[in-house]
Amino acid sequence: SLKDCVINYLLILITVLPHFMLRSKIKRNRHTWYLVMITS
């Protein structure tokens, strides 16, 4: 399903993007989102 792929992979991008955009602003504990993504 191309539609579901586009929707869901865009939503993954949207949940990951803030960590890349704001990484220089938030120093502490900023890499733990990787663990959440891998676990998920």
Full PDB file with SEQRES, HELIX, SHEET, SSBOND, CRYST1, ORIGX, SCALE, CONECT and MASTER records, all heavy atoms in Angstrom:
SEQRES   1 A   40  SER LEU LYS ASP CYS VAL ILE ASN TYR LEU LEU ILE LEU          
SEQRES   2 A   40  ILE THR VAL LEU PRO HIS PHE MET LEU ARG SER LYS ILE          
SEQRES   3 A   40  LYS ARG ASN ARG HIS THR TRP TYR LEU VAL MET ILE THR          
SEQRES   4 A   40  SER                                                          
HELIX    1 AA1 LEU A    2  MET A   21  1                                  20    
HELIX    2 AA2 THR A   32  THR A   39  1                                   8    
CRYST1    1.000    1.000    1.000  90.00  90.00  90.00 P 1           1          
ORIGX1      1.000000  0.000000  0.000000        0.00000                         
ORIGX2      0.000000  1.000000  0.000000        0.00000                         
ORIGX3      0.000000  0.000000  1.000000        0.00000                         
SCALE1      1.000000  0.000000  0.000000        0.00000                         
SCALE2      0.000000  1.000000  0.000000        0.00000                         
SCALE3      0.000000  0.000000  1.000000        0.00000                         
ATOM      1  N   SER A   1       0.841  -1.200   0.000  1.00  0.00           N  
ATOM      2  CA  SER A   1       0.000   0.000   0.000  1.00  0.00           C  
ATOM      3  C   SER A   1       0.875   1.248   0.000  1.00  0.00           C  
ATOM      4  O   SER A   1       1.437   1.636   1.028  1.00  0.00           O  
ATOM      5  CB  SER A   1      -0.917   0.015   1.219  1.00  0.00           C  
ATOM      6  OG  SER A   1      -1.578   1.263   1.307  1.00  0.00           O  
ATOM      7  N   LEU A   2       0.960   1.876  -1.166  1.00  0.00           N  
ATOM      8  CA  LEU A   2       1.773   3.084  -1.300  1.00  0.00           C  
ATOM      9  C   LEU A   2       1.260   4.196  -0.392  1.00  0.00           C  
ATOM     10  O   LEU A   2       2.044   4.892   0.257  1.00  0.00           O  
ATOM     11  CB  LEU A   2       1.805   3.543  -2.763  1.00  0.00           C  
ATOM     12  CG  LEU A   2       2.616   4.792  -3.052  1.00  0.00           C  
ATOM     13  CD1 LEU A   2       4.089   4.569  -2.686  1.00  0.00           C  
ATOM     14  CD2 LEU A   2       2.477   5.185  -4.506  1.00  0.00           C  
ATOM     15  N   LYS A   3      -0.054   4.347  -0.314  1.00  0.00           N  
ATOM     16  CA  LYS A   3      -0.646   5.399   0.519  1.00  0.00           C  
ATOM     17  C   LYS A   3      -0.235   5.234   1.981  1.00  0.00           C  
ATOM     18  O   LYS A   3       0.217   6.184   2.622  1.00  0.00           O  
ATOM     19  CB  LYS A   3      -2.164   5.381   0.390  1.00  0.00           C  
ATOM     20  CG  LYS A   3      -2.880   6.380   1.290  1.00  0.00           C  
ATOM     21  CD  LYS A   3      -4.379   6.228   1.227  1.00  0.00           C  
ATOM     22  CE  LYS A   3      -4.730   4.960   1.962  1.00  0.00           C  
ATOM     23  NZ  LYS A   3      -6.115   4.708   2.207  1.00  0.00           N  
ATOM     24  N   ASP A   4      -0.376   4.016   2.503  1.00  0.00           N  
ATOM     25  CA  ASP A   4      -0.011   3.786   3.904  1.00  0.00           C  
ATOM     26  C   ASP A   4       1.488   3.936   4.130  1.00  0.00           C  
ATOM     27  O   ASP A   4       1.914   4.428   5.182  1.00  0.00           O  
ATOM     28  CB  ASP A   4      -0.500   2.418   4.362  1.00  0.00           C  
ATOM     29  CG  ASP A   4      -2.007   2.383   4.535  1.00  0.00           C  
ATOM     30  OD1 ASP A   4      -2.569   3.351   5.081  1.00  0.00           O  
ATOM     31  OD2 ASP A   4      -2.625   1.385   4.115  1.00  0.00           O  
ATOM     32  N   CYS A   5       2.292   3.526   3.157  1.00  0.00           N  
ATOM     33  CA  CYS A   5       3.743   3.718   3.278  1.00  0.00           C  
ATOM     34  C   CYS A   5       4.086   5.202   3.370  1.00  0.00           C  
ATOM     35  O   CYS A   5       4.856   5.611   4.242  1.00  0.00           O  
ATOM     36  CB  CYS A   5       4.475   3.091   2.090  1.00  0.00           C  
ATOM     37  SG  CYS A   5       4.624   1.316   2.184  1.00  0.00           S  
ATOM     38  N   VAL A   6       3.516   5.992   2.482  1.00  0.00           N  
ATOM     39  CA  VAL A   6       3.802   7.430   2.478  1.00  0.00           C  
ATOM     40  C   VAL A   6       3.380   8.054   3.799  1.00  0.00           C  
ATOM     41  O   VAL A   6       4.151   8.780   4.438  1.00  0.00           O  
ATOM     42  CB  VAL A   6       3.116   8.128   1.280  1.00  0.00           C  
ATOM     43  CG1 VAL A   6       3.174   9.643   1.416  1.00  0.00           C  
ATOM     44  CG2 VAL A   6       3.746   7.684  -0.028  1.00  0.00           C  
ATOM     45  N   ILE A   7       2.163   7.775   4.238  1.00  0.00           N  
ATOM     46  CA  ILE A   7       1.669   8.356   5.493  1.00  0.00           C  
ATOM     47  C   ILE A   7       2.566   7.969   6.659  1.00  0.00           C  
ATOM     48  O   ILE A   7       3.023   8.822   7.426  1.00  0.00           O  
ATOM     49  CB  ILE A   7       0.207   7.908   5.769  1.00  0.00           C  
ATOM     50  CG1 ILE A   7      -0.747   8.533   4.767  1.00  0.00           C  
ATOM     51  CG2 ILE A   7      -0.200   8.249   7.215  1.00  0.00           C  
ATOM     52  CD1 ILE A   7      -2.155   7.947   4.814  1.00  0.00           C  
ATOM     53  N   ASN A   8       2.839   6.689   6.806  1.00  0.00           N  
ATOM     54  CA  ASN A   8       3.551   6.219   7.995  1.00  0.00           C  
ATOM     55  C   ASN A   8       5.030   6.562   7.996  1.00  0.00           C  
ATOM     56  O   ASN A   8       5.583   6.901   9.041  1.00  0.00           O  
ATOM     57  CB  ASN A   8       3.323   4.724   8.166  1.00  0.00           C  
ATOM     58  CG  ASN A   8       1.953   4.442   8.720  1.00  0.00           C  
ATOM     59  OD1 ASN A   8       1.765   4.419   9.920  1.00  0.00           O  
ATOM     60  ND2 ASN A   8       0.971   4.277   7.832  1.00  0.00           N  
ATOM     61  N   TYR A   9       5.683   6.503   6.849  1.00  0.00           N  
ATOM     62  CA  TYR A   9       7.093   6.872   6.828  1.00  0.00           C  
ATOM     63  C   TYR A   9       7.274   8.381   6.974  1.00  0.00           C  
ATOM     64  O   TYR A   9       8.260   8.839   7.552  1.00  0.00           O  
ATOM     65  CB  TYR A   9       7.801   6.296   5.607  1.00  0.00           C  
ATOM     66  CG  TYR A   9       8.016   4.807   5.763  1.00  0.00           C  
ATOM     67  CD1 TYR A   9       7.220   3.880   5.085  1.00  0.00           C  
ATOM     68  CD2 TYR A   9       8.966   4.317   6.646  1.00  0.00           C  
ATOM     69  CE1 TYR A   9       7.393   2.512   5.262  1.00  0.00           C  
ATOM     70  CE2 TYR A   9       9.149   2.951   6.834  1.00  0.00           C  
ATOM     71  CZ  TYR A   9       8.349   2.063   6.134  1.00  0.00           C  
ATOM     72  OH  TYR A   9       8.527   0.713   6.330  1.00  0.00           O  
ATOM     73  N   LEU A  10       6.302   9.160   6.509  1.00  0.00           N  
ATOM     74  CA  LEU A  10       6.338  10.601   6.781  1.00  0.00           C  
ATOM     75  C   LEU A  10       6.148  10.871   8.274  1.00  0.00           C  
ATOM     76  O   LEU A  10       6.808  11.748   8.837  1.00  0.00           O  
ATOM     77  CB  LEU A  10       5.264  11.333   5.979  1.00  0.00           C  
ATOM     78  CG  LEU A  10       5.616  11.651   4.536  1.00  0.00           C  
ATOM     79  CD1 LEU A  10       4.421  12.256   3.807  1.00  0.00           C  
ATOM     80  CD2 LEU A  10       6.816  12.579   4.445  1.00  0.00           C  
ATOM     81  N   LEU A  11       5.271  10.106   8.904  1.00  0.00           N  
ATOM     82  CA  LEU A  11       5.074  10.283  10.345  1.00  0.00           C  
ATOM     83  C   LEU A  11       6.318   9.881  11.137  1.00  0.00           C  
ATOM     84  O   LEU A  11       6.644  10.514  12.144  1.00  0.00           O  
ATOM     85  CB  LEU A  11       3.837   9.521  10.812  1.00  0.00           C  
ATOM     86  CG  LEU A  11       2.512  10.143  10.348  1.00  0.00           C  
ATOM     87  CD1 LEU A  11       1.343   9.207  10.626  1.00  0.00           C  
ATOM     88  CD2 LEU A  11       2.285  11.499  11.009  1.00  0.00           C  
ATOM     89  N   ILE A  12       7.026   8.861  10.676  1.00  0.00           N  
ATOM     90  CA  ILE A  12       8.307   8.531  11.324  1.00  0.00           C  
ATOM     91  C   ILE A  12       9.281   9.686  11.145  1.00  0.00           C  
ATOM     92  O   ILE A  12       9.952  10.107  12.095  1.00  0.00           O  
ATOM     93  CB  ILE A  12       8.900   7.215  10.783  1.00  0.00           C  
ATOM     94  CG1 ILE A  12       8.079   6.017  11.276  1.00  0.00           C  
ATOM     95  CG2 ILE A  12      10.369   7.065  11.215  1.00  0.00           C  
ATOM     96  CD1 ILE A  12       8.521   4.677  10.705  1.00  0.00           C  
ATOM     97  N   LEU A  13       9.354  10.226   9.936  1.00  0.00           N  
ATOM     98  CA  LEU A  13      10.243  11.367   9.684  1.00  0.00           C  
ATOM     99  C   LEU A  13       9.882  12.540  10.591  1.00  0.00           C  
ATOM    100  O   LEU A  13      10.759  13.179  11.171  1.00  0.00           O  
ATOM    101  CB  LEU A  13      10.160  11.779   8.210  1.00  0.00           C  
ATOM    102  CG  LEU A  13      11.003  12.978   7.810  1.00  0.00           C  
ATOM    103  CD1 LEU A  13      12.491  12.675   7.970  1.00  0.00           C  
ATOM    104  CD2 LEU A  13      10.693  13.381   6.379  1.00  0.00           C  
ATOM    105  N   ILE A  14       8.592  12.792  10.743  1.00  0.00           N  
ATOM    106  CA  ILE A  14       8.136  13.904  11.582  1.00  0.00           C  
ATOM    107  C   ILE A  14       8.492  13.681  13.051  1.00  0.00           C  
ATOM    108  O   ILE A  14       8.779  14.632  13.773  1.00  0.00           O  
ATOM    109  CB  ILE A  14       6.622  14.132  11.385  1.00  0.00           C  
ATOM    110  CG1 ILE A  14       6.391  14.749  10.008  1.00  0.00           C  
ATOM    111  CG2 ILE A  14       6.020  14.990  12.487  1.00  0.00           C  
ATOM    112  CD1 ILE A  14       4.957  14.724   9.542  1.00  0.00           C  
ATOM    113  N   THR A  15       8.514  12.430  13.506  1.00  0.00           N  
ATOM    114  CA  THR A  15       8.869  12.176  14.907  1.00  0.00           C  
ATOM    115  C   THR A  15      10.377  12.188  15.140  1.00  0.00           C  
ATOM    116  O   THR A  15      10.825  12.408  16.264  1.00  0.00           O  
ATOM    117  CB  THR A  15       8.291  10.837  15.415  1.00  0.00           C  
ATOM    118  OG1 THR A  15       8.736   9.781  14.584  1.00  0.00           O  
ATOM    119  CG2 THR A  15       6.781  10.882  15.470  1.00  0.00           C  
ATOM    120  N   VAL A  16      11.140  11.979  14.095  1.00  0.00           N  
ATOM    121  CA  VAL A  16      12.596  11.957  14.213  1.00  0.00           C  
ATOM    122  C   VAL A  16      13.202  13.334  13.932  1.00  0.00           C  
ATOM    123  O   VAL A  16      14.184  13.734  14.551  1.00  0.00           O  
ATOM    124  CB  VAL A  16      13.194  10.893  13.260  1.00  0.00           C  
ATOM    125  CG1 VAL A  16      14.690  11.012  13.138  1.00  0.00           C  
ATOM    126  CG2 VAL A  16      12.807   9.498  13.725  1.00  0.00           C  
ATOM    127  N   LEU A  17      12.604  14.055  13.016  1.00  0.00           N  
ATOM    128  CA  LEU A  17      13.140  15.333  12.576  1.00  0.00           C  
ATOM    129  C   LEU A  17      13.416  16.324  13.697  1.00  0.00           C  
ATOM    130  O   LEU A  17      14.460  16.988  13.671  1.00  0.00           O  
ATOM    131  CB  LEU A  17      12.193  15.948  11.532  1.00  0.00           C  
ATOM    132  CG  LEU A  17      12.736  17.055  10.667  1.00  0.00           C  
ATOM    133  CD1 LEU A  17      13.977  16.599   9.904  1.00  0.00           C  
ATOM    134  CD2 LEU A  17      11.664  17.528   9.696  1.00  0.00           C  
ATOM    135  N   PRO A  18      12.556  16.459  14.691  1.00  0.00           N  
ATOM    136  CA  PRO A  18      12.865  17.424  15.759  1.00  0.00           C  
ATOM    137  C   PRO A  18      14.201  17.153  16.449  1.00  0.00           C  
ATOM    138  O   PRO A  18      14.888  18.081  16.862  1.00  0.00           O  
ATOM    139  CB  PRO A  18      11.709  17.257  16.756  1.00  0.00           C  
ATOM    140  CG  PRO A  18      10.613  16.654  15.988  1.00  0.00           C  
ATOM    141  CD  PRO A  18      11.252  15.828  14.914  1.00  0.00           C  
ATOM    142  N   HIS A  19      14.583  15.905  16.537  1.00  0.00           N  
ATOM    143  CA  HIS A  19      15.849  15.575  17.199  1.00  0.00           C  
ATOM    144  C   HIS A  19      17.042  16.057  16.385  1.00  0.00           C  
ATOM    145  O   HIS A  19      18.056  16.453  16.951  1.00  0.00           O  
ATOM    146  CB  HIS A  19      15.934  14.069  17.455  1.00  0.00           C  
ATOM    147  CG  HIS A  19      14.905  13.603  18.423  1.00  0.00           C  
ATOM    148  ND1 HIS A  19      15.016  13.794  19.777  1.00  0.00           N  
ATOM    149  CD2 HIS A  19      13.716  12.987  18.224  1.00  0.00           C  
ATOM    150  CE1 HIS A  19      13.947  13.310  20.378  1.00  0.00           C  
ATOM    151  NE2 HIS A  19      13.139  12.808  19.456  1.00  0.00           N  
ATOM    152  N   PHE A  20      16.919  16.040  15.077  1.00  0.00           N  
ATOM    153  CA  PHE A  20      18.007  16.538  14.236  1.00  0.00           C  
ATOM    154  C   PHE A  20      17.996  18.059  14.158  1.00  0.00           C  
ATOM    155  O   PHE A  20      19.043  18.689  14.174  1.00  0.00           O  
ATOM    156  CB  PHE A  20      17.919  15.942  12.826  1.00  0.00           C  
ATOM    157  CG  PHE A  20      18.275  14.498  12.775  1.00  0.00           C  
ATOM    158  CD1 PHE A  20      17.299  13.539  12.602  1.00  0.00           C  
ATOM    159  CD2 PHE A  20      19.596  14.087  12.926  1.00  0.00           C  
ATOM    160  CE1 PHE A  20      17.623  12.193  12.564  1.00  0.00           C  
ATOM    161  CE2 PHE A  20      19.931  12.754  12.895  1.00  0.00           C  
ATOM    162  CZ  PHE A  20      18.947  11.804  12.706  1.00  0.00           C  
ATOM    163  N   MET A  21      16.815  18.634  14.092  1.00  0.00           N  
ATOM    164  CA  MET A  21      16.711  20.090  13.967  1.00  0.00           C  
ATOM    165  C   MET A  21      17.110  20.805  15.251  1.00  0.00           C  
ATOM    166  O   MET A  21      17.631  21.910  15.215  1.00  0.00           O  
ATOM    167  CB  MET A  21      15.294  20.484  13.584  1.00  0.00           C  
ATOM    168  CG  MET A  21      14.915  20.039  12.199  1.00  0.00           C  
ATOM    169  SD  MET A  21      13.269  20.581  11.756  1.00  0.00           S  
ATOM    170  CE  MET A  21      13.515  22.343  11.642  1.00  0.00           C  
ATOM    171  N   LEU A  22      16.862  20.182  16.388  1.00  0.00           N  
ATOM    172  CA  LEU A  22      17.072  20.850  17.657  1.00  0.00           C  
ATOM    173  C   LEU A  22      18.254  20.291  18.439  1.00  0.00           C  
ATOM    174  O   LEU A  22      18.446  20.626  19.588  1.00  0.00           O  
ATOM    175  CB  LEU A  22      15.799  20.747  18.500  1.00  0.00           C  
ATOM    176  CG  LEU A  22      14.523  21.232  17.819  1.00  0.00           C  
ATOM    177  CD1 LEU A  22      13.322  20.946  18.695  1.00  0.00           C  
ATOM    178  CD2 LEU A  22      14.615  22.695  17.472  1.00  0.00           C  
ATOM    179  N   ARG A  23      19.049  19.463  17.788  1.00  0.00           N  
ATOM    180  CA  ARG A  23      20.110  18.772  18.522  1.00  0.00           C  
ATOM    181  C   ARG A  23      21.134  19.714  19.133  1.00  0.00           C  
ATOM    182  O   ARG A  23      21.703  19.415  20.164  1.00  0.00           O  
ATOM    183  CB  ARG A  23      20.778  17.733  17.642  1.00  0.00           C  
ATOM    184  CG  ARG A  23      21.579  18.305  16.529  1.00  0.00           C  
ATOM    185  CD  ARG A  23      22.254  17.215  15.765  1.00  0.00           C  
ATOM    186  NE  ARG A  23      22.864  17.827  14.593  1.00  0.00           N  
ATOM    187  CZ  ARG A  23      23.190  17.185  13.534  1.00  0.00           C  
ATOM    188  NH1 ARG A  23      22.986  15.910  13.463  1.00  0.00           N  
ATOM    189  NH2 ARG A  23      23.729  17.802  12.526  1.00  0.00           N  
ATOM    190  N   SER A  24      21.387  20.838  18.496  1.00  0.00           N  
ATOM    191  CA  SER A  24      22.365  21.751  19.076  1.00  0.00           C  
ATOM    192  C   SER A  24      21.787  22.521  20.264  1.00  0.00           C  
ATOM    193  O   SER A  24      22.530  23.064  21.058  1.00  0.00           O  
ATOM    194  CB  SER A  24      22.854  22.737  18.020  1.00  0.00           C  
ATOM    195  OG  SER A  24      21.776  23.525  17.561  1.00  0.00           O  
ATOM    196  N   LYS A  25      20.483  22.531  20.399  1.00  0.00           N  
ATOM    197  CA  LYS A  25      19.838  23.265  21.485  1.00  0.00           C  
ATOM    198  C   LYS A  25      19.722  22.432  22.754  1.00  0.00           C  
ATOM    199  O   LYS A  25      19.796  22.942  23.847  1.00  0.00           O  
ATOM    200  CB  LYS A  25      18.436  23.721  21.061  1.00  0.00           C  
ATOM    201  CG  LYS A  25      18.400  24.507  19.784  1.00  0.00           C  
ATOM    202  CD  LYS A  25      19.042  25.841  19.939  1.00  0.00           C  
ATOM    203  CE  LYS A  25      18.913  26.627  18.638  1.00  0.00           C  
ATOM    204  NZ  LYS A  25      19.835  27.715  18.554  1.00  0.00           N  
ATOM    205  N   ILE A  26      19.467  21.142  22.597  1.00  0.00           N  
ATOM    206  CA  ILE A  26      19.268  20.262  23.749  1.00  0.00           C  
ATOM    207  C   ILE A  26      20.465  19.322  23.827  1.00  0.00           C  
ATOM    208  O   ILE A  26      20.646  18.475  22.977  1.00  0.00           O  
ATOM    209  CB  ILE A  26      17.970  19.452  23.617  1.00  0.00           C  
ATOM    210  CG1 ILE A  26      16.768  20.391  23.534  1.00  0.00           C  
ATOM    211  CG2 ILE A  26      17.821  18.489  24.785  1.00  0.00           C  
ATOM    212  CD1 ILE A  26      15.466  19.690  23.245  1.00  0.00           C  
ATOM    213  N   LYS A  27      21.246  19.484  24.849  1.00  0.00           N  
ATOM    214  CA  LYS A  27      22.465  18.676  24.978  1.00  0.00           C  
ATOM    215  C   LYS A  27      22.232  17.397  25.768  1.00  0.00           C  
ATOM    216  O   LYS A  27      22.678  16.336  25.384  1.00  0.00           O  
ATOM    217  CB  LYS A  27      23.570  19.492  25.667  1.00  0.00           C  
ATOM    218  CG  LYS A  27      23.968  20.729  24.907  1.00  0.00           C  
ATOM    219  CD  LYS A  27      24.760  20.400  23.682  1.00  0.00           C  
ATOM    220  CE  LYS A  27      25.283  21.678  23.070  1.00  0.00           C  
ATOM    221  NZ  LYS A  27      25.504  21.594  21.676  1.00  0.00           N  
ATOM    222  N   ARG A  28      21.512  17.500  26.883  1.00  0.00           N  
ATOM    223  CA  ARG A  28      21.430  16.351  27.776  1.00  0.00           C  
ATOM    224  C   ARG A  28      20.438  15.310  27.260  1.00  0.00           C  
ATOM    225  O   ARG A  28      19.344  15.647  26.816  1.00  0.00           O  
ATOM    226  CB  ARG A  28      21.103  16.786  29.197  1.00  0.00           C  
ATOM    227  CG  ARG A  28      19.730  17.282  29.388  1.00  0.00           C  
ATOM    228  CD  ARG A  28      19.528  17.790  30.813  1.00  0.00           C  
ATOM    229  NE  ARG A  28      18.172  18.276  30.836  1.00  0.00           N  
ATOM    230  CZ  ARG A  28      17.252  17.847  31.651  1.00  0.00           C  
ATOM    231  NH1 ARG A  28      17.546  16.972  32.573  1.00  0.00           N  
ATOM    232  NH2 ARG A  28      16.035  18.307  31.591  1.00  0.00           N  
ATOM    233  N   ASN A  29      20.834  14.083  27.320  1.00  0.00           N  
ATOM    234  CA  ASN A  29      19.979  12.930  27.013  1.00  0.00           C  
ATOM    235  C   ASN A  29      19.397  12.943  25.603  1.00  0.00           C  
ATOM    236  O   ASN A  29      18.384  12.318  25.350  1.00  0.00           O  
ATOM    237  CB  ASN A  29      18.821  12.837  28.010  1.00  0.00           C  
ATOM    238  CG  ASN A  29      19.292  12.910  29.422  1.00  0.00           C  
ATOM    239  OD1 ASN A  29      20.351  12.417  29.759  1.00  0.00           O  
ATOM    240  ND2 ASN A  29      18.519  13.550  30.264  1.00  0.00           N  
ATOM    241  N   ARG A  30      20.038  13.631  24.699  1.00  0.00           N  
ATOM    242  CA  ARG A  30      19.415  13.803  23.389  1.00  0.00           C  
ATOM    243  C   ARG A  30      19.499  12.580  22.498  1.00  0.00           C  
ATOM    244  O   ARG A  30      18.804  12.505  21.498  1.00  0.00           O  
ATOM    245  CB  ARG A  30      20.004  15.013  22.689  1.00  0.00           C  
ATOM    246  CG  ARG A  30      21.432  14.824  22.244  1.00  0.00           C  
ATOM    247  CD  ARG A  30      21.869  16.010  21.434  1.00  0.00           C  
ATOM    248  NE  ARG A  30      23.114  15.699  20.789  1.00  0.00           N  
ATOM    249  CZ  ARG A  30      24.113  16.532  20.673  1.00  0.00           C  
ATOM    250  NH1 ARG A  30      23.992  17.737  21.167  1.00  0.00           N  
ATOM    251  NH2 ARG A  30      25.209  16.160  20.062  1.00  0.00           N  
ATOM    252  N   HIS A  31      20.344  11.620  22.826  1.00  0.00           N  
ATOM    253  CA  HIS A  31      20.514  10.457  21.959  1.00  0.00           C  
ATOM    254  C   HIS A  31      19.656   9.258  22.352  1.00  0.00           C  
ATOM    255  O   HIS A  31      19.664   8.258  21.660  1.00  0.00           O  
ATOM    256  CB  HIS A  31      21.984  10.040  21.911  1.00  0.00           C  
ATOM    257  CG  HIS A  31      22.858  11.098  21.313  1.00  0.00           C  
ATOM    258  ND1 HIS A  31      22.709  11.524  20.015  1.00  0.00           N  
ATOM    259  CD2 HIS A  31      23.860  11.822  21.844  1.00  0.00           C  
ATOM    260  CE1 HIS A  31      23.598  12.473  19.767  1.00  0.00           C  
ATOM    261  NE2 HIS A  31      24.302  12.670  20.855  1.00  0.00           N  
ATOM    262  N   THR A  32      18.907   9.363  23.417  1.00  0.00           N  
ATOM    263  CA  THR A  32      18.109   8.215  23.839  1.00  0.00           C  
ATOM    264  C   THR A  32      16.955   7.913  22.883  1.00  0.00           C  
ATOM    265  O   THR A  32      16.417   6.817  22.902  1.00  0.00           O  
ATOM    266  CB  THR A  32      17.567   8.414  25.265  1.00  0.00           C  
ATOM    267  OG1 THR A  32      16.852   9.642  25.325  1.00  0.00           O  
ATOM    268  CG2 THR A  32      18.695   8.411  26.287  1.00  0.00           C  
ATOM    269  N   TRP A  33      16.590   8.858  22.020  1.00  0.00           N  
ATOM    270  CA  TRP A  33      15.518   8.599  21.055  1.00  0.00           C  
ATOM    271  C   TRP A  33      15.908   7.473  20.106  1.00  0.00           C  
ATOM    272  O   TRP A  33      15.040   6.758  19.610  1.00  0.00           O  
ATOM    273  CB  TRP A  33      15.120   9.862  20.291  1.00  0.00           C  
ATOM    274  CG  TRP A  33      16.134  10.350  19.304  1.00  0.00           C  
ATOM    275  CD1 TRP A  33      17.131  11.239  19.530  1.00  0.00           C  
ATOM    276  CD2 TRP A  33      16.235   9.960  17.933  1.00  0.00           C  
ATOM    277  NE1 TRP A  33      17.859  11.429  18.383  1.00  0.00           N  
ATOM    278  CE2 TRP A  33      17.331  10.646  17.380  1.00  0.00           C  
ATOM    279  CE3 TRP A  33      15.522   9.089  17.118  1.00  0.00           C  
ATOM    280  CZ2 TRP A  33      17.723  10.506  16.052  1.00  0.00           C  
ATOM    281  CZ3 TRP A  33      15.913   8.940  15.789  1.00  0.00           C  
ATOM    282  CH2 TRP A  33      17.003   9.654  15.278  1.00  0.00           C  
ATOM    283  N   TYR A  34      17.209   7.304  19.848  1.00  0.00           N  
ATOM    284  CA  TYR A  34      17.665   6.185  19.012  1.00  0.00           C  
ATOM    285  C   TYR A  34      17.221   4.852  19.627  1.00  0.00           C  
ATOM    286  O   TYR A  34      16.791   3.946  18.924  1.00  0.00           O  
ATOM    287  CB  TYR A  34      19.200   6.144  18.910  1.00  0.00           C  
ATOM    288  CG  TYR A  34      19.841   7.210  18.087  1.00  0.00           C  
ATOM    289  CD1 TYR A  34      20.675   8.157  18.687  1.00  0.00           C  
ATOM    290  CD2 TYR A  34      19.671   7.253  16.714  1.00  0.00           C  
ATOM    291  CE1 TYR A  34      21.304   9.130  17.936  1.00  0.00           C  
ATOM    292  CE2 TYR A  34      20.297   8.222  15.956  1.00  0.00           C  
ATOM    293  CZ  TYR A  34      21.112   9.158  16.570  1.00  0.00           C  
ATOM    294  OH  TYR A  34      21.734  10.107  15.817  1.00  0.00           O  
ATOM    295  N   LEU A  35      17.389   4.746  20.920  1.00  0.00           N  
ATOM    296  CA  LEU A  35      17.004   3.518  21.613  1.00  0.00           C  
ATOM    297  C   LEU A  35      15.508   3.266  21.512  1.00  0.00           C  
ATOM    298  O   LEU A  35      15.072   2.134  21.341  1.00  0.00           O  
ATOM    299  CB  LEU A  35      17.426   3.588  23.081  1.00  0.00           C  
ATOM    300  CG  LEU A  35      18.922   3.707  23.346  1.00  0.00           C  
ATOM    301  CD1 LEU A  35      19.177   3.975  24.825  1.00  0.00           C  
ATOM    302  CD2 LEU A  35      19.642   2.466  22.882  1.00  0.00           C  
ATOM    303  N   VAL A  36      14.724   4.327  21.595  1.00  0.00           N  
ATOM    304  CA  VAL A  36      13.273   4.198  21.460  1.00  0.00           C  
ATOM    305  C   VAL A  36      12.926   3.726  20.051  1.00  0.00           C  
ATOM    306  O   VAL A  36      12.096   2.829  19.876  1.00  0.00           O  
ATOM    307  CB  VAL A  36      12.563   5.529  21.787  1.00  0.00           C  
ATOM    308  CG1 VAL A  36      11.074   5.440  21.516  1.00  0.00           C  
ATOM    309  CG2 VAL A  36      12.836   5.926  23.233  1.00  0.00           C  
ATOM    310  N   MET A  37      13.571   4.278  19.052  1.00  0.00           N  
ATOM    311  CA  MET A  37      13.286   3.882  17.671  1.00  0.00           C  
ATOM    312  C   MET A  37      13.672   2.426  17.431  1.00  0.00           C  
ATOM    313  O   MET A  37      12.899   1.662  16.845  1.00  0.00           O  
ATOM    314  CB  MET A  37      14.014   4.786  16.673  1.00  0.00           C  
ATOM    315  CG  MET A  37      13.552   4.534  15.246  1.00  0.00           C  
ATOM    316  SD  MET A  37      14.058   5.788  14.077  1.00  0.00           S  
ATOM    317  CE  MET A  37      15.785   5.426  13.928  1.00  0.00           C  
ATOM    318  N   ILE A  38      14.821   2.023  17.900  1.00  0.00           N  
ATOM    319  CA  ILE A  38      15.259   0.636  17.720  1.00  0.00           C  
ATOM    320  C   ILE A  38      14.324  -0.319  18.457  1.00  0.00           C  
ATOM    321  O   ILE A  38      13.878  -1.327  17.901  1.00  0.00           O  
ATOM    322  CB  ILE A  38      16.718   0.466  18.196  1.00  0.00           C  
ATOM    323  CG1 ILE A  38      17.667   1.200  17.247  1.00  0.00           C  
ATOM    324  CG2 ILE A  38      17.095  -1.011  18.301  1.00  0.00           C  
ATOM    325  CD1 ILE A  38      19.077   1.364  17.791  1.00  0.00           C  
ATOM    326  N   THR A  39      14.003   0.003  19.698  1.00  0.00           N  
ATOM    327  CA  THR A  39      13.087  -0.833  20.478  1.00  0.00           C  
ATOM    328  C   THR A  39      11.732  -0.936  19.783  1.00  0.00           C  
ATOM    329  O   THR A  39      11.157  -2.024  19.681  1.00  0.00           O  
ATOM    330  CB  THR A  39      12.910  -0.263  21.898  1.00  0.00           C  
ATOM    331  OG1 THR A  39      14.192  -0.174  22.530  1.00  0.00           O  
ATOM    332  CG2 THR A  39      11.976  -1.124  22.723  1.00  0.00           C  
ATOM    333  N   SER A  40      11.230   0.176  19.300  1.00  0.00           N  
ATOM    334  CA  SER A  40       9.925   0.197  18.640  1.00  0.00           C  
ATOM    335  C   SER A  40       9.927  -0.632  17.360  1.00  0.00           C  
ATOM    336  O   SER A  40       8.957  -1.343  17.070  1.00  0.00           O  
ATOM    337  CB  SER A  40       9.516   1.636  18.324  1.00  0.00           C  
ATOM    338  OG  SER A  40       9.410   2.381  19.498  1.00  0.00           O  
TER     339      SER A  40                                                      
MASTER        0    0    0    2    0    0    0    6  338    1    0    4          
END                                                                             
